[in-house]
Amino acid sequence: VENLLKVRFGEIDNELQAIIEPLLALSPEKFTPLLLQL
Protein backbone atom coordinates (compact mmCIF):
# COMPACT_ATOMS: atom_id res chain seq x y z
CA VAL A 1 0.00 0.00 0.00
CA GLU A 2 2.74 2.42 0.95
CA ASN A 3 4.62 1.80 -2.30
CA LEU A 4 1.52 2.34 -4.42
CA LEU A 5 0.77 5.59 -2.58
CA LYS A 6 4.33 6.79 -3.19
CA VAL A 7 4.09 5.99 -6.90
CA ARG A 8 0.72 7.76 -7.27
CA PHE A 9 1.23 10.79 -5.05
CA GLY A 10 4.98 11.23 -4.62
CA GLU A 11 5.53 11.55 -0.91
CA ILE A 12 3.41 10.21 1.91
CA ASP A 13 2.18 13.05 4.06
CA ASN A 14 0.16 12.76 7.29
CA GLU A 15 -3.17 12.37 5.46
CA LEU A 16 -1.89 9.52 3.34
CA GLN A 17 -0.08 7.93 6.28
CA ALA A 18 -3.39 7.86 8.17
CA ILE A 19 -5.13 5.79 5.48
CA ILE A 20 -2.54 3.03 5.21
CA GLU A 21 -3.89 1.00 8.14
CA PRO A 22 -7.55 1.13 7.02
CA LEU A 23 -6.53 0.10 3.51
CA LEU A 24 -4.49 -2.82 4.85
CA ALA A 25 -7.69 -4.10 6.48
CA LEU A 26 -8.90 -4.83 2.94
CA SER A 27 -7.68 -7.64 0.75
CA PRO A 28 -5.15 -6.74 -1.97
CA GLU A 29 -7.84 -7.49 -4.54
CA LYS A 30 -9.96 -4.74 -3.02
CA PHE A 31 -7.39 -2.08 -2.15
CA THR A 32 -5.30 -2.24 -5.35
CA PRO A 33 -8.03 -0.95 -7.71
CA LEU A 34 -8.92 1.76 -5.20
CA LEU A 35 -5.31 2.94 -5.02
CA LEU A 36 -5.02 2.99 -8.79
CA GLN A 37 -8.37 4.59 -9.65
CA LEU A 38 -9.51 6.98 -6.93
Full PDB file with SEQRES, HELIX, SHEET, SSBOND, CRYST1, ORIGX, SCALE, CONECT and MASTER records, all heavy atoms in Angstrom:
SEQRES   1 A   38  VAL GLU ASN LEU LEU LYS VAL ARG PHE GLY GLU ILE ASP          
SEQRES   2 A   38  ASN GLU LEU GLN ALA ILE ILE GLU PRO LEU LEU ALA LEU          
SEQRES   3 A   38  SER PRO GLU LYS PHE THR PRO LEU LEU LEU GLN LEU              
HELIX    1 AA1 GLU A    2  PHE A    9  1                                   8    
HELIX    2 AA2 ASN A   14  LEU A   24  1                                  11    
HELIX    3 AA3 PRO A   28  GLN A   37  1                                  10    
CRYST1    1.000    1.000    1.000  90.00  90.00  90.00 P 1           1          
ORIGX1      1.000000  0.000000  0.000000        0.00000                         
ORIGX2      0.000000  1.000000  0.000000        0.00000                         
ORIGX3      0.000000  0.000000  1.000000        0.00000                         
SCALE1      1.000000  0.000000  0.000000        0.00000                         
SCALE2      0.000000  1.000000  0.000000        0.00000                         
SCALE3      0.000000  0.000000  1.000000        0.00000                         
ATOM      1  N   VAL A   1       0.832  -1.190   0.000  1.00  0.00           N  
ATOM      2  CA  VAL A   1       0.000   0.000   0.000  1.00  0.00           C  
ATOM      3  C   VAL A   1       0.871   1.247   0.000  1.00  0.00           C  
ATOM      4  O   VAL A   1       0.654   2.175  -0.787  1.00  0.00           O  
ATOM      5  CB  VAL A   1      -0.968   0.015   1.211  1.00  0.00           C  
ATOM      6  CG1 VAL A   1      -1.643   1.355   1.367  1.00  0.00           C  
ATOM      7  CG2 VAL A   1      -2.019  -1.074   1.057  1.00  0.00           C  
ATOM      8  N   GLU A   2       1.865   1.259   0.850  1.00  0.00           N  
ATOM      9  CA  GLU A   2       2.740   2.423   0.950  1.00  0.00           C  
ATOM     10  C   GLU A   2       3.460   2.686  -0.375  1.00  0.00           C  
ATOM     11  O   GLU A   2       3.564   3.832  -0.818  1.00  0.00           O  
ATOM     12  CB  GLU A   2       3.740   2.229   2.080  1.00  0.00           C  
ATOM     13  CG  GLU A   2       4.519   3.481   2.389  1.00  0.00           C  
ATOM     14  CD  GLU A   2       5.336   3.355   3.664  1.00  0.00           C  
ATOM     15  OE1 GLU A   2       5.077   2.450   4.475  1.00  0.00           O  
ATOM     16  OE2 GLU A   2       6.240   4.188   3.824  1.00  0.00           O  
ATOM     17  N   ASN A   3       3.931   1.633  -1.015  1.00  0.00           N  
ATOM     18  CA  ASN A   3       4.622   1.799  -2.296  1.00  0.00           C  
ATOM     19  C   ASN A   3       3.694   2.338  -3.369  1.00  0.00           C  
ATOM     20  O   ASN A   3       4.084   3.208  -4.153  1.00  0.00           O  
ATOM     21  CB  ASN A   3       5.235   0.472  -2.753  1.00  0.00           C  
ATOM     22  CG  ASN A   3       6.429   0.082  -1.926  1.00  0.00           C  
ATOM     23  OD1 ASN A   3       7.092   0.928  -1.345  1.00  0.00           O  
ATOM     24  ND2 ASN A   3       6.704  -1.205  -1.860  1.00  0.00           N  
ATOM     25  N   LEU A   4       2.474   1.845  -3.425  1.00  0.00           N  
ATOM     26  CA  LEU A   4       1.518   2.344  -4.416  1.00  0.00           C  
ATOM     27  C   LEU A   4       1.175   3.812  -4.160  1.00  0.00           C  
ATOM     28  O   LEU A   4       1.037   4.597  -5.103  1.00  0.00           O  
ATOM     29  CB  LEU A   4       0.248   1.490  -4.424  1.00  0.00           C  
ATOM     30  CG  LEU A   4       0.387   0.116  -5.069  1.00  0.00           C  
ATOM     31  CD1 LEU A   4      -0.858  -0.733  -4.818  1.00  0.00           C  
ATOM     32  CD2 LEU A   4       0.638   0.240  -6.558  1.00  0.00           C  
ATOM     33  N   LEU A   5       1.043   4.181  -2.898  1.00  0.00           N  
ATOM     34  CA  LEU A   5       0.770   5.586  -2.575  1.00  0.00           C  
ATOM     35  C   LEU A   5       1.938   6.472  -2.999  1.00  0.00           C  
ATOM     36  O   LEU A   5       1.723   7.569  -3.531  1.00  0.00           O  
ATOM     37  CB  LEU A   5       0.498   5.746  -1.074  1.00  0.00           C  
ATOM     38  CG  LEU A   5      -0.831   5.197  -0.568  1.00  0.00           C  
ATOM     39  CD1 LEU A   5      -0.879   5.236   0.952  1.00  0.00           C  
ATOM     40  CD2 LEU A   5      -2.007   5.965  -1.158  1.00  0.00           C  
ATOM     41  N   LYS A   6       3.159   6.018  -2.788  1.00  0.00           N  
ATOM     42  CA  LYS A   6       4.329   6.792  -3.193  1.00  0.00           C  
ATOM     43  C   LYS A   6       4.376   6.972  -4.711  1.00  0.00           C  
ATOM     44  O   LYS A   6       4.692   8.051  -5.207  1.00  0.00           O  
ATOM     45  CB  LYS A   6       5.613   6.115  -2.712  1.00  0.00           C  
ATOM     46  CG  LYS A   6       5.886   6.289  -1.247  1.00  0.00           C  
ATOM     47  CD  LYS A   6       7.189   5.606  -0.871  1.00  0.00           C  
ATOM     48  CE  LYS A   6       7.437   5.699   0.612  1.00  0.00           C  
ATOM     49  NZ  LYS A   6       8.669   4.979   0.998  1.00  0.00           N  
ATOM     50  N   VAL A   7       4.066   5.913  -5.437  1.00  0.00           N  
ATOM     51  CA  VAL A   7       4.086   5.993  -6.901  1.00  0.00           C  
ATOM     52  C   VAL A   7       3.015   6.964  -7.394  1.00  0.00           C  
ATOM     53  O   VAL A   7       3.268   7.783  -8.271  1.00  0.00           O  
ATOM     54  CB  VAL A   7       3.885   4.592  -7.525  1.00  0.00           C  
ATOM     55  CG1 VAL A   7       3.618   4.682  -9.022  1.00  0.00           C  
ATOM     56  CG2 VAL A   7       5.098   3.719  -7.247  1.00  0.00           C  
ATOM     57  N   ARG A   8       1.831   6.888  -6.813  1.00  0.00           N  
ATOM     58  CA  ARG A   8       0.724   7.757  -7.266  1.00  0.00           C  
ATOM     59  C   ARG A   8       0.887   9.201  -6.862  1.00  0.00           C  
ATOM     60  O   ARG A   8       0.602  10.108  -7.638  1.00  0.00           O  
ATOM     61  CB  ARG A   8      -0.610   7.298  -6.660  1.00  0.00           C  
ATOM     62  CG  ARG A   8      -1.328   6.154  -7.228  1.00  0.00           C  
ATOM     63  CD  ARG A   8      -2.157   6.309  -8.467  1.00  0.00           C  
ATOM     64  NE  ARG A   8      -2.959   7.442  -8.771  1.00  0.00           N  
ATOM     65  CZ  ARG A   8      -4.234   7.603  -8.503  1.00  0.00           C  
ATOM     66  NH1 ARG A   8      -4.886   6.692  -7.830  1.00  0.00           N  
ATOM     67  NH2 ARG A   8      -4.882   8.665  -8.894  1.00  0.00           N  
ATOM     68  N   PHE A   9       1.306   9.437  -5.607  1.00  0.00           N  
ATOM     69  CA  PHE A   9       1.226  10.788  -5.055  1.00  0.00           C  
ATOM     70  C   PHE A   9       2.577  11.394  -4.676  1.00  0.00           C  
ATOM     71  O   PHE A   9       2.622  12.492  -4.141  1.00  0.00           O  
ATOM     72  CB  PHE A   9       0.299  10.783  -3.827  1.00  0.00           C  
ATOM     73  CG  PHE A   9      -1.069  10.254  -4.149  1.00  0.00           C  
ATOM     74  CD1 PHE A   9      -1.504   9.047  -3.613  1.00  0.00           C  
ATOM     75  CD2 PHE A   9      -1.929  10.941  -4.980  1.00  0.00           C  
ATOM     76  CE1 PHE A   9      -2.760   8.544  -3.905  1.00  0.00           C  
ATOM     77  CE2 PHE A   9      -3.194  10.457  -5.281  1.00  0.00           C  
ATOM     78  CZ  PHE A   9      -3.604   9.248  -4.741  1.00  0.00           C  
ATOM     79  N   GLY A  10       3.657  10.692  -4.937  1.00  0.00           N  
ATOM     80  CA  GLY A  10       4.979  11.227  -4.617  1.00  0.00           C  
ATOM     81  C   GLY A  10       5.378  10.889  -3.202  1.00  0.00           C  
ATOM     82  O   GLY A  10       5.824   9.789  -2.930  1.00  0.00           O  
ATOM     83  N   GLU A  11       5.184  11.816  -2.309  1.00  0.00           N  
ATOM     84  CA  GLU A  11       5.529  11.552  -0.913  1.00  0.00           C  
ATOM     85  C   GLU A  11       4.283  11.186  -0.116  1.00  0.00           C  
ATOM     86  O   GLU A  11       3.168  11.449  -0.535  1.00  0.00           O  
ATOM     87  CB  GLU A  11       6.205  12.775  -0.288  1.00  0.00           C  
ATOM     88  CG  GLU A  11       5.279  13.970  -0.161  1.00  0.00           C  
ATOM     89  CD  GLU A  11       5.974  15.144   0.487  1.00  0.00           C  
ATOM     90  OE1 GLU A  11       6.746  15.818  -0.197  1.00  0.00           O  
ATOM     91  OE2 GLU A  11       5.734  15.365   1.687  1.00  0.00           O  
ATOM     92  N   ILE A  12       4.517  10.574   1.029  1.00  0.00           N  
ATOM     93  CA  ILE A  12       3.406  10.205   1.910  1.00  0.00           C  
ATOM     94  C   ILE A  12       3.364  11.205   3.051  1.00  0.00           C  
ATOM     95  O   ILE A  12       4.226  11.201   3.926  1.00  0.00           O  
ATOM     96  CB  ILE A  12       3.570   8.770   2.437  1.00  0.00           C  
ATOM     97  CG1 ILE A  12       3.527   7.810   1.257  1.00  0.00           C  
ATOM     98  CG2 ILE A  12       2.482   8.447   3.454  1.00  0.00           C  
ATOM     99  CD1 ILE A  12       3.666   6.365   1.625  1.00  0.00           C  
ATOM    100  N   ASP A  13       2.346  12.065   3.001  1.00  0.00           N  
ATOM    101  CA  ASP A  13       2.179  13.054   4.064  1.00  0.00           C  
ATOM    102  C   ASP A  13       1.313  12.452   5.175  1.00  0.00           C  
ATOM    103  O   ASP A  13       0.987  11.257   5.152  1.00  0.00           O  
ATOM    104  CB  ASP A  13       1.582  14.350   3.517  1.00  0.00           C  
ATOM    105  CG  ASP A  13       0.220  14.157   2.882  1.00  0.00           C  
ATOM    106  OD1 ASP A  13      -0.408  13.087   3.060  1.00  0.00           O  
ATOM    107  OD2 ASP A  13      -0.243  15.095   2.204  1.00  0.00           O  
ATOM    108  N   ASN A  14       0.934  13.262   6.143  1.00  0.00           N  
ATOM    109  CA  ASN A  14       0.161  12.763   7.289  1.00  0.00           C  
ATOM    110  C   ASN A  14      -1.198  12.212   6.877  1.00  0.00           C  
ATOM    111  O   ASN A  14      -1.656  11.214   7.432  1.00  0.00           O  
ATOM    112  CB  ASN A  14      -0.021  13.868   8.334  1.00  0.00           C  
ATOM    113  CG  ASN A  14       1.281  14.203   9.026  1.00  0.00           C  
ATOM    114  OD1 ASN A  14       2.210  13.413   9.022  1.00  0.00           O  
ATOM    115  ND2 ASN A  14       1.357  15.380   9.617  1.00  0.00           N  
ATOM    116  N   GLU A  15      -1.860  12.859   5.907  1.00  0.00           N  
ATOM    117  CA  GLU A  15      -3.169  12.375   5.457  1.00  0.00           C  
ATOM    118  C   GLU A  15      -3.059  10.998   4.829  1.00  0.00           C  
ATOM    119  O   GLU A  15      -3.856  10.109   5.116  1.00  0.00           O  
ATOM    120  CB  GLU A  15      -3.795  13.340   4.453  1.00  0.00           C  
ATOM    121  CG  GLU A  15      -4.417  14.561   5.053  1.00  0.00           C  
ATOM    122  CD  GLU A  15      -5.114  15.396   4.008  1.00  0.00           C  
ATOM    123  OE1 GLU A  15      -4.517  15.660   2.953  1.00  0.00           O  
ATOM    124  OE2 GLU A  15      -6.275  15.773   4.260  1.00  0.00           O  
ATOM    125  N   LEU A  16      -2.076  10.823   3.975  1.00  0.00           N  
ATOM    126  CA  LEU A  16      -1.891   9.517   3.340  1.00  0.00           C  
ATOM    127  C   LEU A  16      -1.403   8.478   4.337  1.00  0.00           C  
ATOM    128  O   LEU A  16      -1.810   7.316   4.276  1.00  0.00           O  
ATOM    129  CB  LEU A  16      -0.929   9.631   2.157  1.00  0.00           C  
ATOM    130  CG  LEU A  16      -1.437  10.437   0.961  1.00  0.00           C  
ATOM    131  CD1 LEU A  16      -0.348  10.547  -0.101  1.00  0.00           C  
ATOM    132  CD2 LEU A  16      -2.699   9.825   0.370  1.00  0.00           C  
ATOM    133  N   GLN A  17      -0.554   8.863   5.250  1.00  0.00           N  
ATOM    134  CA  GLN A  17      -0.079   7.934   6.285  1.00  0.00           C  
ATOM    135  C   GLN A  17      -1.257   7.393   7.092  1.00  0.00           C  
ATOM    136  O   GLN A  17      -1.285   6.217   7.447  1.00  0.00           O  
ATOM    137  CB  GLN A  17       0.927   8.642   7.202  1.00  0.00           C  
ATOM    138  CG  GLN A  17       1.569   7.732   8.225  1.00  0.00           C  
ATOM    139  CD  GLN A  17       2.474   6.686   7.591  1.00  0.00           C  
ATOM    140  OE1 GLN A  17       3.237   6.978   6.680  1.00  0.00           O  
ATOM    141  NE2 GLN A  17       2.393   5.476   8.068  1.00  0.00           N  
ATOM    142  N   ALA A  18      -2.233   8.254   7.349  1.00  0.00           N  
ATOM    143  CA  ALA A  18      -3.388   7.857   8.167  1.00  0.00           C  
ATOM    144  C   ALA A  18      -4.287   6.846   7.487  1.00  0.00           C  
ATOM    145  O   ALA A  18      -5.034   6.139   8.166  1.00  0.00           O  
ATOM    146  CB  ALA A  18      -4.192   9.099   8.547  1.00  0.00           C  
ATOM    147  N   ILE A  19      -4.229   6.734   6.164  1.00  0.00           N  
ATOM    148  CA  ILE A  19      -5.131   5.794   5.482  1.00  0.00           C  
ATOM    149  C   ILE A  19      -4.495   4.441   5.204  1.00  0.00           C  
ATOM    150  O   ILE A  19      -5.168   3.528   4.745  1.00  0.00           O  
ATOM    151  CB  ILE A  19      -5.703   6.391   4.177  1.00  0.00           C  
ATOM    152  CG1 ILE A  19      -4.618   6.554   3.119  1.00  0.00           C  
ATOM    153  CG2 ILE A  19      -6.446   7.678   4.459  1.00  0.00           C  
ATOM    154  CD1 ILE A  19      -5.136   6.905   1.750  1.00  0.00           C  
ATOM    155  N   ILE A  20      -3.210   4.299   5.497  1.00  0.00           N  
ATOM    156  CA  ILE A  20      -2.542   3.026   5.206  1.00  0.00           C  
ATOM    157  C   ILE A  20      -3.158   1.889   6.012  1.00  0.00           C  
ATOM    158  O   ILE A  20      -3.496   0.835   5.456  1.00  0.00           O  
ATOM    159  CB  ILE A  20      -1.020   3.132   5.442  1.00  0.00           C  
ATOM    160  CG1 ILE A  20      -0.411   4.058   4.394  1.00  0.00           C  
ATOM    161  CG2 ILE A  20      -0.364   1.754   5.407  1.00  0.00           C  
ATOM    162  CD1 ILE A  20       1.060   4.360   4.595  1.00  0.00           C  
ATOM    163  N   GLU A  21      -3.332   2.067   7.299  1.00  0.00           N  
ATOM    164  CA  GLU A  21      -3.892   0.999   8.142  1.00  0.00           C  
ATOM    165  C   GLU A  21      -5.301   0.584   7.709  1.00  0.00           C  
ATOM    166  O   GLU A  21      -5.571  -0.611   7.571  1.00  0.00           O  
ATOM    167  CB  GLU A  21      -3.873   1.419   9.606  1.00  0.00           C  
ATOM    168  CG  GLU A  21      -4.326   0.311  10.548  1.00  0.00           C  
ATOM    169  CD  GLU A  21      -4.284   0.740  11.998  1.00  0.00           C  
ATOM    170  OE1 GLU A  21      -3.521   1.648  12.347  1.00  0.00           O  
ATOM    171  OE2 GLU A  21      -5.031   0.134  12.782  1.00  0.00           O  
ATOM    172  N   PRO A  22      -6.216   1.540   7.485  1.00  0.00           N  
ATOM    173  CA  PRO A  22      -7.547   1.133   7.021  1.00  0.00           C  
ATOM    174  C   PRO A  22      -7.516   0.394   5.683  1.00  0.00           C  
ATOM    175  O   PRO A  22      -8.276  -0.551   5.476  1.00  0.00           O  
ATOM    176  CB  PRO A  22      -8.319   2.450   6.898  1.00  0.00           C  
ATOM    177  CG  PRO A  22      -7.615   3.395   7.786  1.00  0.00           C  
ATOM    178  CD  PRO A  22      -6.176   2.968   7.785  1.00  0.00           C  
ATOM    179  N   LEU A  23      -6.618   0.801   4.794  1.00  0.00           N  
ATOM    180  CA  LEU A  23      -6.529   0.103   3.507  1.00  0.00           C  
ATOM    181  C   LEU A  23      -5.971  -1.310   3.673  1.00  0.00           C  
ATOM    182  O   LEU A  23      -6.386  -2.234   2.971  1.00  0.00           O  
ATOM    183  CB  LEU A  23      -5.671   0.903   2.529  1.00  0.00           C  
ATOM    184  CG  LEU A  23      -6.309   2.182   2.006  1.00  0.00           C  
ATOM    185  CD1 LEU A  23      -5.302   2.993   1.215  1.00  0.00           C  
ATOM    186  CD2 LEU A  23      -7.535   1.885   1.178  1.00  0.00           C  
ATOM    187  N   LEU A  24      -5.058  -1.484   4.614  1.00  0.00           N  
ATOM    188  CA  LEU A  24      -4.495  -2.815   4.853  1.00  0.00           C  
ATOM    189  C   LEU A  24      -5.525  -3.782   5.438  1.00  0.00           C  
ATOM    190  O   LEU A  24      -5.321  -4.994   5.399  1.00  0.00           O  
ATOM    191  CB  LEU A  24      -3.279  -2.725   5.768  1.00  0.00           C  
ATOM    192  CG  LEU A  24      -2.028  -2.134   5.127  1.00  0.00           C  
ATOM    193  CD1 LEU A  24      -0.950  -1.918   6.169  1.00  0.00           C  
ATOM    194  CD2 LEU A  24      -1.522  -3.031   4.006  1.00  0.00           C  
ATOM    195  N   ALA A  25      -6.622  -3.246   5.969  1.00  0.00           N  
ATOM    196  CA  ALA A  25      -7.689  -4.104   6.479  1.00  0.00           C  
ATOM    197  C   ALA A  25      -8.443  -4.778   5.330  1.00  0.00           C  
ATOM    198  O   ALA A  25      -9.149  -5.760   5.543  1.00  0.00           O  
ATOM    199  CB  ALA A  25      -8.654  -3.293   7.342  1.00  0.00           C  
ATOM    200  N   LEU A  26      -8.273  -4.244   4.125  1.00  0.00           N  
ATOM    201  CA  LEU A  26      -8.903  -4.825   2.940  1.00  0.00           C  
ATOM    202  C   LEU A  26      -7.959  -5.840   2.303  1.00  0.00           C  
ATOM    203  O   LEU A  26      -6.750  -5.787   2.507  1.00  0.00           O  
ATOM    204  CB  LEU A  26      -9.209  -3.727   1.913  1.00  0.00           C  
ATOM    205  CG  LEU A  26     -10.101  -2.583   2.371  1.00  0.00           C  
ATOM    206  CD1 LEU A  26     -10.134  -1.497   1.307  1.00  0.00           C  
ATOM    207  CD2 LEU A  26     -11.494  -3.085   2.675  1.00  0.00           C  
ATOM    208  N   SER A  27      -8.515  -6.715   1.497  1.00  0.00           N  
ATOM    209  CA  SER A  27      -7.676  -7.642   0.749  1.00  0.00           C  
ATOM    210  C   SER A  27      -6.971  -6.882  -0.382  1.00  0.00           C  
ATOM    211  O   SER A  27      -7.459  -5.842  -0.828  1.00  0.00           O  
ATOM    212  CB  SER A  27      -8.530  -8.765   0.154  1.00  0.00           C  
ATOM    213  OG  SER A  27      -9.372  -8.247  -0.863  1.00  0.00           O  
ATOM    214  N   PRO A  28      -5.830  -7.400  -0.850  1.00  0.00           N  
ATOM    215  CA  PRO A  28      -5.148  -6.739  -1.970  1.00  0.00           C  
ATOM    216  C   PRO A  28      -6.041  -6.601  -3.212  1.00  0.00           C  
ATOM    217  O   PRO A  28      -5.933  -5.624  -3.944  1.00  0.00           O  
ATOM    218  CB  PRO A  28      -3.956  -7.653  -2.262  1.00  0.00           C  
ATOM    219  CG  PRO A  28      -3.682  -8.322  -0.964  1.00  0.00           C  
ATOM    220  CD  PRO A  28      -5.036  -8.511  -0.320  1.00  0.00           C  
ATOM    221  N   GLU A  29      -6.933  -7.553  -3.404  1.00  0.00           N  
ATOM    222  CA  GLU A  29      -7.842  -7.488  -4.544  1.00  0.00           C  
ATOM    223  C   GLU A  29      -8.794  -6.299  -4.443  1.00  0.00           C  
ATOM    224  O   GLU A  29      -9.267  -5.783  -5.450  1.00  0.00           O  
ATOM    225  CB  GLU A  29      -8.655  -8.787  -4.665  1.00  0.00           C  
ATOM    226  CG  GLU A  29      -7.837 -10.005  -5.035  1.00  0.00           C  
ATOM    227  CD  GLU A  29      -7.099 -10.622  -3.849  1.00  0.00           C  
ATOM    228  OE1 GLU A  29      -7.407 -10.333  -2.672  1.00  0.00           O  
ATOM    229  OE2 GLU A  29      -6.163 -11.406  -4.104  1.00  0.00           O  
ATOM    230  N   LYS A  30      -9.064  -5.875  -3.214  1.00  0.00           N  
ATOM    231  CA  LYS A  30      -9.963  -4.738  -3.024  1.00  0.00           C  
ATOM    232  C   LYS A  30      -9.211  -3.415  -2.976  1.00  0.00           C  
ATOM    233  O   LYS A  30      -9.659  -2.423  -3.536  1.00  0.00           O  
ATOM    234  CB  LYS A  30     -10.786  -4.918  -1.749  1.00  0.00           C  
ATOM    235  CG  LYS A  30     -11.805  -6.025  -1.878  1.00  0.00           C  
ATOM    236  CD  LYS A  30     -12.694  -6.099  -0.671  1.00  0.00           C  
ATOM    237  CE  LYS A  30     -13.694  -7.234  -0.853  1.00  0.00           C  
ATOM    238  NZ  LYS A  30     -14.588  -7.342   0.282  1.00  0.00           N  
ATOM    239  N   PHE A  31      -8.048  -3.372  -2.283  1.00  0.00           N  
ATOM    240  CA  PHE A  31      -7.389  -2.076  -2.152  1.00  0.00           C  
ATOM    241  C   PHE A  31      -6.595  -1.664  -3.386  1.00  0.00           C  
ATOM    242  O   PHE A  31      -6.443  -0.480  -3.652  1.00  0.00           O  
ATOM    243  CB  PHE A  31      -6.545  -1.957  -0.881  1.00  0.00           C  
ATOM    244  CG  PHE A  31      -5.263  -2.747  -0.822  1.00  0.00           C  
ATOM    245  CD1 PHE A  31      -4.196  -2.458  -1.647  1.00  0.00           C  
ATOM    246  CD2 PHE A  31      -5.112  -3.749   0.118  1.00  0.00           C  
ATOM    247  CE1 PHE A  31      -3.001  -3.162  -1.559  1.00  0.00           C  
ATOM    248  CE2 PHE A  31      -3.930  -4.456   0.222  1.00  0.00           C  
ATOM    249  CZ  PHE A  31      -2.871  -4.158  -0.633  1.00  0.00           C  
ATOM    250  N   THR A  32      -6.108  -2.608  -4.181  1.00  0.00           N  
ATOM    251  CA  THR A  32      -5.304  -2.238  -5.346  1.00  0.00           C  
ATOM    252  C   THR A  32      -6.083  -1.397  -6.360  1.00  0.00           C  
ATOM    253  O   THR A  32      -5.606  -0.334  -6.766  1.00  0.00           O  
ATOM    254  CB  THR A  32      -4.682  -3.480  -6.005  1.00  0.00           C  
ATOM    255  OG1 THR A  32      -3.872  -4.158  -5.035  1.00  0.00           O  
ATOM    256  CG2 THR A  32      -3.830  -3.108  -7.201  1.00  0.00           C  
ATOM    257  N   PRO A  33      -7.287  -1.817  -6.775  1.00  0.00           N  
ATOM    258  CA  PRO A  33      -8.031  -0.953  -7.712  1.00  0.00           C  
ATOM    259  C   PRO A  33      -8.353   0.421  -7.125  1.00  0.00           C  
ATOM    260  O   PRO A  33      -8.323   1.421  -7.841  1.00  0.00           O  
ATOM    261  CB  PRO A  33      -9.318  -1.736  -7.986  1.00  0.00           C  
ATOM    262  CG  PRO A  33      -9.036  -3.129  -7.596  1.00  0.00           C  
ATOM    263  CD  PRO A  33      -7.988  -3.067  -6.532  1.00  0.00           C  
ATOM    264  N   LEU A  34      -8.638   0.471  -5.827  1.00  0.00           N  
ATOM    265  CA  LEU A  34      -8.918   1.763  -5.196  1.00  0.00           C  
ATOM    266  C   LEU A  34      -7.705   2.679  -5.293  1.00  0.00           C  
ATOM    267  O   LEU A  34      -7.825   3.857  -5.637  1.00  0.00           O  
ATOM    268  CB  LEU A  34      -9.296   1.571  -3.722  1.00  0.00           C  
ATOM    269  CG  LEU A  34     -10.566   0.793  -3.436  1.00  0.00           C  
ATOM    270  CD1 LEU A  34     -10.708   0.559  -1.937  1.00  0.00           C  
ATOM    271  CD2 LEU A  34     -11.775   1.527  -3.974  1.00  0.00           C  
ATOM    272  N   LEU A  35      -6.538   2.138  -4.984  1.00  0.00           N  
ATOM    273  CA  LEU A  35      -5.313   2.937  -5.021  1.00  0.00           C  
ATOM    274  C   LEU A  35      -4.977   3.413  -6.428  1.00  0.00           C  
ATOM    275  O   LEU A  35      -4.381   4.468  -6.607  1.00  0.00           O  
ATOM    276  CB  LEU A  35      -4.136   2.143  -4.459  1.00  0.00           C  
ATOM    277  CG  LEU A  35      -4.168   1.891  -2.957  1.00  0.00           C  
ATOM    278  CD1 LEU A  35      -3.043   0.962  -2.556  1.00  0.00           C  
ATOM    279  CD2 LEU A  35      -4.052   3.197  -2.203  1.00  0.00           C  
ATOM    280  N   LEU A  36      -5.354   2.635  -7.421  1.00  0.00           N  
ATOM    281  CA  LEU A  36      -5.018   2.989  -8.794  1.00  0.00           C  
ATOM    282  C   LEU A  36      -6.054   3.893  -9.450  1.00  0.00           C  
ATOM    283  O   LEU A  36      -5.740   4.596 -10.407  1.00  0.00           O  
ATOM    284  CB  LEU A  36      -4.838   1.714  -9.632  1.00  0.00           C  
ATOM    285  CG  LEU A  36      -3.678   0.817  -9.212  1.00  0.00           C  
ATOM    286  CD1 LEU A  36      -3.670  -0.453 -10.040  1.00  0.00           C  
ATOM    287  CD2 LEU A  36      -2.355   1.550  -9.318  1.00  0.00           C  
ATOM    288  N   GLN A  37      -7.296   3.888  -8.954  1.00  0.00           N  
ATOM    289  CA  GLN A  37      -8.371   4.589  -9.650  1.00  0.00           C  
ATOM    290  C   GLN A  37      -8.889   5.840  -8.951  1.00  0.00           C  
ATOM    291  O   GLN A  37      -9.294   6.787  -9.624  1.00  0.00           O  
ATOM    292  CB  GLN A  37      -9.551   3.635  -9.879  1.00  0.00           C  
ATOM    293  CG  GLN A  37      -9.205   2.483 -10.783  1.00  0.00           C  
ATOM    294  CD  GLN A  37     -10.303   1.452 -10.852  1.00  0.00           C  
ATOM    295  OE1 GLN A  37     -11.382   1.637 -10.337  1.00  0.00           O  
ATOM    296  NE2 GLN A  37     -10.010   0.339 -11.489  1.00  0.00           N  
ATOM    297  N   LEU A  38      -8.900   5.850  -7.632  1.00  0.00           N  
ATOM    298  CA  LEU A  38      -9.508   6.978  -6.933  1.00  0.00           C  
ATOM    299  C   LEU A  38      -8.562   8.172  -6.862  1.00  0.00           C  
ATOM    300  O   LEU A  38      -7.348   8.017  -6.798  1.00  0.00           O  
ATOM    301  CB  LEU A  38      -9.895   6.575  -5.502  1.00  0.00           C  
ATOM    302  CG  LEU A  38     -10.990   5.519  -5.358  1.00  0.00           C  
ATOM    303  CD1 LEU A  38     -11.268   5.271  -3.880  1.00  0.00           C  
ATOM    304  CD2 LEU A  38     -12.264   5.931  -6.066  1.00  0.00           C  
TER     305      LEU A  38                                                      
MASTER        0    0    0    3    0    0    0    6  304    1    0    3          
END                                                                             
